[in-house]
Amino acid sequence: MTVTISSREFNQDTSRAKKAASKGPVFITDRGRPAHVLLTIEDYRRLTVTDESLLAALADPASMDIDWEPAKIGLGIRAATFE
């Protein structure tokens, strides 16, 4: 069950938001737009903890379907000038 509350409601009744988070994620909005998500620590750990290494993840055939274009970085390299 997903609950959405405004940041004002969250500030006024944090305990209600914490109780709701025990049943599922609580979306906290700023000016009507989702800005934060409140989760229980168990849900957070379930989402973030993995035993899989980066190498194993990259070696997984399912990862071949991921489209990824790394951002180009500007190193500020200029041609050498000899005077």
N, C-alpha and C. Protein backbone atom coordinates (compact mmCIF):
# COMPACT_ATOMS: atom_id res chain seq x y z
N MET A 1 0.84 -1.17 0.00
CA MET A 1 0.00 0.00 0.00
C MET A 1 0.89 1.25 0.00
N THR A 2 0.67 2.13 -0.92
CA THR A 2 1.46 3.35 -1.03
C THR A 2 0.65 4.53 -0.49
N VAL A 3 1.31 5.35 0.30
CA VAL A 3 0.68 6.54 0.89
C VAL A 3 1.43 7.76 0.40
N THR A 4 0.70 8.82 0.10
CA THR A 4 1.30 10.09 -0.29
C THR A 4 0.83 11.16 0.68
N ILE A 5 1.79 11.90 1.23
CA ILE A 5 1.46 13.00 2.14
C ILE A 5 2.29 14.22 1.76
N SER A 6 1.78 15.38 2.12
CA SER A 6 2.53 16.61 1.85
C SER A 6 3.63 16.77 2.90
N SER A 7 4.60 17.58 2.59
CA SER A 7 5.68 17.82 3.55
C SER A 7 5.13 18.51 4.81
N ARG A 8 4.11 19.31 4.66
CA ARG A 8 3.48 19.95 5.81
C ARG A 8 2.84 18.90 6.72
N GLU A 9 2.10 17.95 6.11
CA GLU A 9 1.49 16.87 6.90
C GLU A 9 2.57 16.04 7.59
N PHE A 10 3.66 15.78 6.87
CA PHE A 10 4.75 15.01 7.45
C PHE A 10 5.33 15.72 8.68
N ASN A 11 5.55 17.01 8.57
CA ASN A 11 6.10 17.79 9.70
C ASN A 11 5.13 17.83 10.89
N GLN A 12 3.85 17.85 10.60
CA GLN A 12 2.86 17.95 11.67
C GLN A 12 2.55 16.62 12.34
N ASP A 13 2.71 15.50 11.61
CA ASP A 13 2.35 14.19 12.15
C ASP A 13 3.32 13.12 11.66
N THR A 14 4.55 13.21 12.13
CA THR A 14 5.59 12.26 11.72
C THR A 14 5.25 10.84 12.13
N SER A 15 4.63 10.68 13.29
CA SER A 15 4.31 9.32 13.76
C SER A 15 3.33 8.64 12.81
N ARG A 16 2.39 9.38 12.23
CA ARG A 16 1.46 8.79 11.26
C ARG A 16 2.21 8.30 10.02
N ALA A 17 3.18 9.10 9.56
CA ALA A 17 3.98 8.71 8.39
C ALA A 17 4.80 7.47 8.70
N LYS A 18 5.37 7.39 9.91
CA LYS A 18 6.15 6.21 10.27
C LYS A 18 5.28 4.97 10.34
N LYS A 19 4.07 5.10 10.87
CA LYS A 19 3.15 3.95 10.91
C LYS A 19 2.77 3.52 9.49
N ALA A 20 2.53 4.48 8.62
CA ALA A 20 2.18 4.16 7.24
C ALA A 20 3.35 3.48 6.53
N ALA A 21 4.59 3.88 6.86
CA ALA A 21 5.77 3.29 6.22
C ALA A 21 5.93 1.83 6.59
N SER A 22 5.36 1.41 7.71
CA SER A 22 5.45 -0.01 8.07
C SER A 22 4.62 -0.87 7.15
N LYS A 23 3.70 -0.25 6.39
CA LYS A 23 2.85 -0.99 5.44
C LYS A 23 3.30 -0.81 4.00
N GLY A 24 4.21 0.13 3.75
CA GLY A 24 4.69 0.37 2.39
C GLY A 24 5.32 1.75 2.31
N PRO A 25 5.88 2.09 1.15
CA PRO A 25 6.56 3.37 0.99
C PRO A 25 5.60 4.54 1.18
N VAL A 26 6.11 5.62 1.77
CA VAL A 26 5.34 6.84 1.95
C VAL A 26 6.01 7.92 1.10
N PHE A 27 5.28 8.43 0.13
CA PHE A 27 5.80 9.50 -0.73
C PHE A 27 5.47 10.83 -0.08
N ILE A 28 6.48 11.67 0.06
CA ILE A 28 6.32 12.98 0.66
C ILE A 28 6.47 14.01 -0.45
N THR A 29 5.47 14.87 -0.58
CA THR A 29 5.46 15.82 -1.69
C THR A 29 5.83 17.22 -1.23
N ASP A 30 6.42 17.97 -2.14
CA ASP A 30 6.65 19.40 -1.98
C ASP A 30 5.91 20.09 -3.12
N ARG A 31 4.95 20.91 -2.75
CA ARG A 31 4.12 21.62 -3.75
C ARG A 31 3.48 20.65 -4.75
N GLY A 32 3.03 19.51 -4.23
CA GLY A 32 2.31 18.54 -5.06
C GLY A 32 3.18 17.60 -5.87
N ARG A 33 4.48 17.75 -5.80
CA ARG A 33 5.38 16.88 -6.57
C ARG A 33 6.15 15.98 -5.62
N PRO A 34 6.28 14.68 -5.93
CA PRO A 34 7.04 13.77 -5.06
C PRO A 34 8.46 14.28 -4.88
N ALA A 35 8.89 14.34 -3.61
CA ALA A 35 10.23 14.85 -3.31
C ALA A 35 11.04 13.86 -2.50
N HIS A 36 10.39 13.05 -1.66
CA HIS A 36 11.09 12.12 -0.78
C HIS A 36 10.25 10.85 -0.64
N VAL A 37 10.92 9.79 -0.20
CA VAL A 37 10.22 8.53 0.10
C VAL A 37 10.68 8.07 1.47
N LEU A 38 9.73 7.72 2.33
CA LEU A 38 10.02 7.19 3.65
C LEU A 38 9.81 5.69 3.61
N LEU A 39 10.85 4.95 4.02
CA LEU A 39 10.82 3.48 4.04
C LEU A 39 11.24 2.99 5.41
N THR A 40 10.81 1.78 5.76
CA THR A 40 11.37 1.15 6.95
C THR A 40 12.80 0.74 6.62
N ILE A 41 13.60 0.55 7.65
CA ILE A 41 14.99 0.15 7.42
C ILE A 41 15.06 -1.21 6.74
N GLU A 42 14.11 -2.08 7.05
CA GLU A 42 14.09 -3.41 6.41
C GLU A 42 13.86 -3.28 4.91
N ASP A 43 12.91 -2.42 4.51
CA ASP A 43 12.65 -2.21 3.09
C ASP A 43 13.85 -1.57 2.40
N TYR A 44 14.47 -0.60 3.07
CA TYR A 44 15.65 0.05 2.50
C TYR A 44 16.77 -0.96 2.27
N ARG A 45 17.04 -1.78 3.26
CA ARG A 45 18.11 -2.77 3.13
C ARG A 45 17.80 -3.78 2.05
N ARG A 46 16.54 -4.19 1.96
CA ARG A 46 16.15 -5.14 0.92
C ARG A 46 16.40 -4.55 -0.48
N LEU A 47 16.19 -3.24 -0.61
CA LEU A 47 16.39 -2.59 -1.90
C LEU A 47 17.85 -2.30 -2.22
N THR A 48 18.68 -2.12 -1.21
CA THR A 48 20.05 -1.67 -1.46
C THR A 48 21.12 -2.72 -1.25
N VAL A 49 20.89 -3.70 -0.42
CA VAL A 49 21.93 -4.67 -0.11
C VAL A 49 21.92 -5.77 -1.16
N THR A 50 23.11 -6.07 -1.67
CA THR A 50 23.23 -7.15 -2.65
C THR A 50 24.53 -7.90 -2.39
N ASP A 51 24.49 -9.18 -2.62
CA ASP A 51 25.69 -9.99 -2.47
C ASP A 51 26.45 -10.11 -3.79
N GLU A 52 25.86 -9.58 -4.84
CA GLU A 52 26.45 -9.71 -6.16
C GLU A 52 27.52 -8.64 -6.39
N SER A 53 28.65 -9.06 -6.91
CA SER A 53 29.71 -8.11 -7.21
C SER A 53 29.43 -7.43 -8.55
N LEU A 54 30.09 -6.32 -8.79
CA LEU A 54 29.93 -5.62 -10.05
C LEU A 54 30.35 -6.51 -11.21
N LEU A 55 31.42 -7.25 -11.04
CA LEU A 55 31.89 -8.16 -12.10
C LEU A 55 30.83 -9.20 -12.42
N ALA A 56 30.21 -9.79 -11.39
CA ALA A 56 29.17 -10.79 -11.62
C ALA A 56 27.97 -10.17 -12.32
N ALA A 57 27.61 -8.94 -11.92
CA ALA A 57 26.47 -8.27 -12.54
C ALA A 57 26.74 -8.00 -14.02
N LEU A 58 27.96 -7.58 -14.34
CA LEU A 58 28.31 -7.31 -15.74
C LEU A 58 28.42 -8.57 -16.57
N ALA A 59 28.78 -9.68 -15.92
CA ALA A 59 28.91 -10.95 -16.63
C ALA A 59 27.56 -11.62 -16.88
N ASP A 60 26.53 -11.17 -16.19
CA ASP A 60 25.19 -11.75 -16.34
C ASP A 60 24.67 -11.47 -17.75
N PRO A 61 24.25 -12.52 -18.47
CA PRO A 61 23.73 -12.30 -19.84
C PRO A 61 22.55 -11.34 -19.88
N ALA A 62 21.77 -11.25 -18.82
CA ALA A 62 20.63 -10.34 -18.80
C ALA A 62 21.08 -8.88 -18.85
N SER A 63 22.31 -8.61 -18.42
CA SER A 63 22.80 -7.23 -18.43
C SER A 63 23.12 -6.77 -19.85
N MET A 64 23.14 -7.67 -20.80
CA MET A 64 23.42 -7.29 -22.19
C MET A 64 22.28 -6.43 -22.75
N ASP A 65 21.09 -6.50 -22.15
CA ASP A 65 19.95 -5.73 -22.64
C ASP A 65 19.92 -4.31 -22.11
N ILE A 66 20.86 -3.95 -21.27
CA ILE A 66 20.87 -2.62 -20.67
C ILE A 66 21.55 -1.64 -21.63
N ASP A 67 20.82 -0.58 -21.96
CA ASP A 67 21.39 0.48 -22.79
C ASP A 67 22.04 1.50 -21.87
N TRP A 68 23.31 1.74 -22.10
CA TRP A 68 24.05 2.68 -21.26
C TRP A 68 25.04 3.43 -22.11
N GLU A 69 24.94 4.72 -22.06
CA GLU A 69 25.87 5.57 -22.80
C GLU A 69 26.58 6.45 -21.78
N PRO A 70 27.85 6.17 -21.49
CA PRO A 70 28.54 6.98 -20.48
C PRO A 70 28.67 8.43 -20.93
N ALA A 71 28.62 9.31 -19.98
CA ALA A 71 28.76 10.74 -20.27
C ALA A 71 30.19 11.04 -20.66
N LYS A 72 30.35 11.92 -21.64
CA LYS A 72 31.69 12.33 -22.04
C LYS A 72 32.18 13.39 -21.07
N ILE A 73 33.44 13.27 -20.72
CA ILE A 73 34.01 14.25 -19.81
C ILE A 73 34.99 15.12 -20.57
N GLY A 74 35.01 16.36 -20.22
CA GLY A 74 35.95 17.29 -20.85
C GLY A 74 37.21 17.38 -20.01
N LEU A 75 38.33 17.00 -20.57
CA LEU A 75 39.58 17.04 -19.82
C LEU A 75 40.34 18.34 -20.02
N GLY A 76 39.86 19.18 -20.92
CA GLY A 76 40.53 20.45 -21.13
C GLY A 76 41.88 20.28 -21.83
N ILE A 77 42.01 19.27 -22.65
CA ILE A 77 43.27 19.02 -23.37
C ILE A 77 43.35 19.94 -24.57
N ARG A 78 44.50 20.59 -24.71
CA ARG A 78 44.73 21.49 -25.84
C ARG A 78 45.94 21.00 -26.62
N ALA A 79 45.99 21.38 -27.86
CA ALA A 79 47.16 21.05 -28.68
C ALA A 79 48.38 21.82 -28.17
N ALA A 80 49.51 21.15 -28.22
CA ALA A 80 50.76 21.78 -27.77
C ALA A 80 51.19 22.85 -28.78
N THR A 81 51.70 23.94 -28.26
CA THR A 81 52.24 24.98 -29.14
C THR A 81 53.72 25.14 -28.83
N PHE A 82 54.52 25.19 -29.86
CA PHE A 82 55.97 25.32 -29.70
C PHE A 82 56.37 26.67 -30.28
N GLU A 83 56.88 27.52 -29.46
CA GLU A 83 57.27 28.86 -29.94
C GLU A 83 58.75 29.05 -29.82
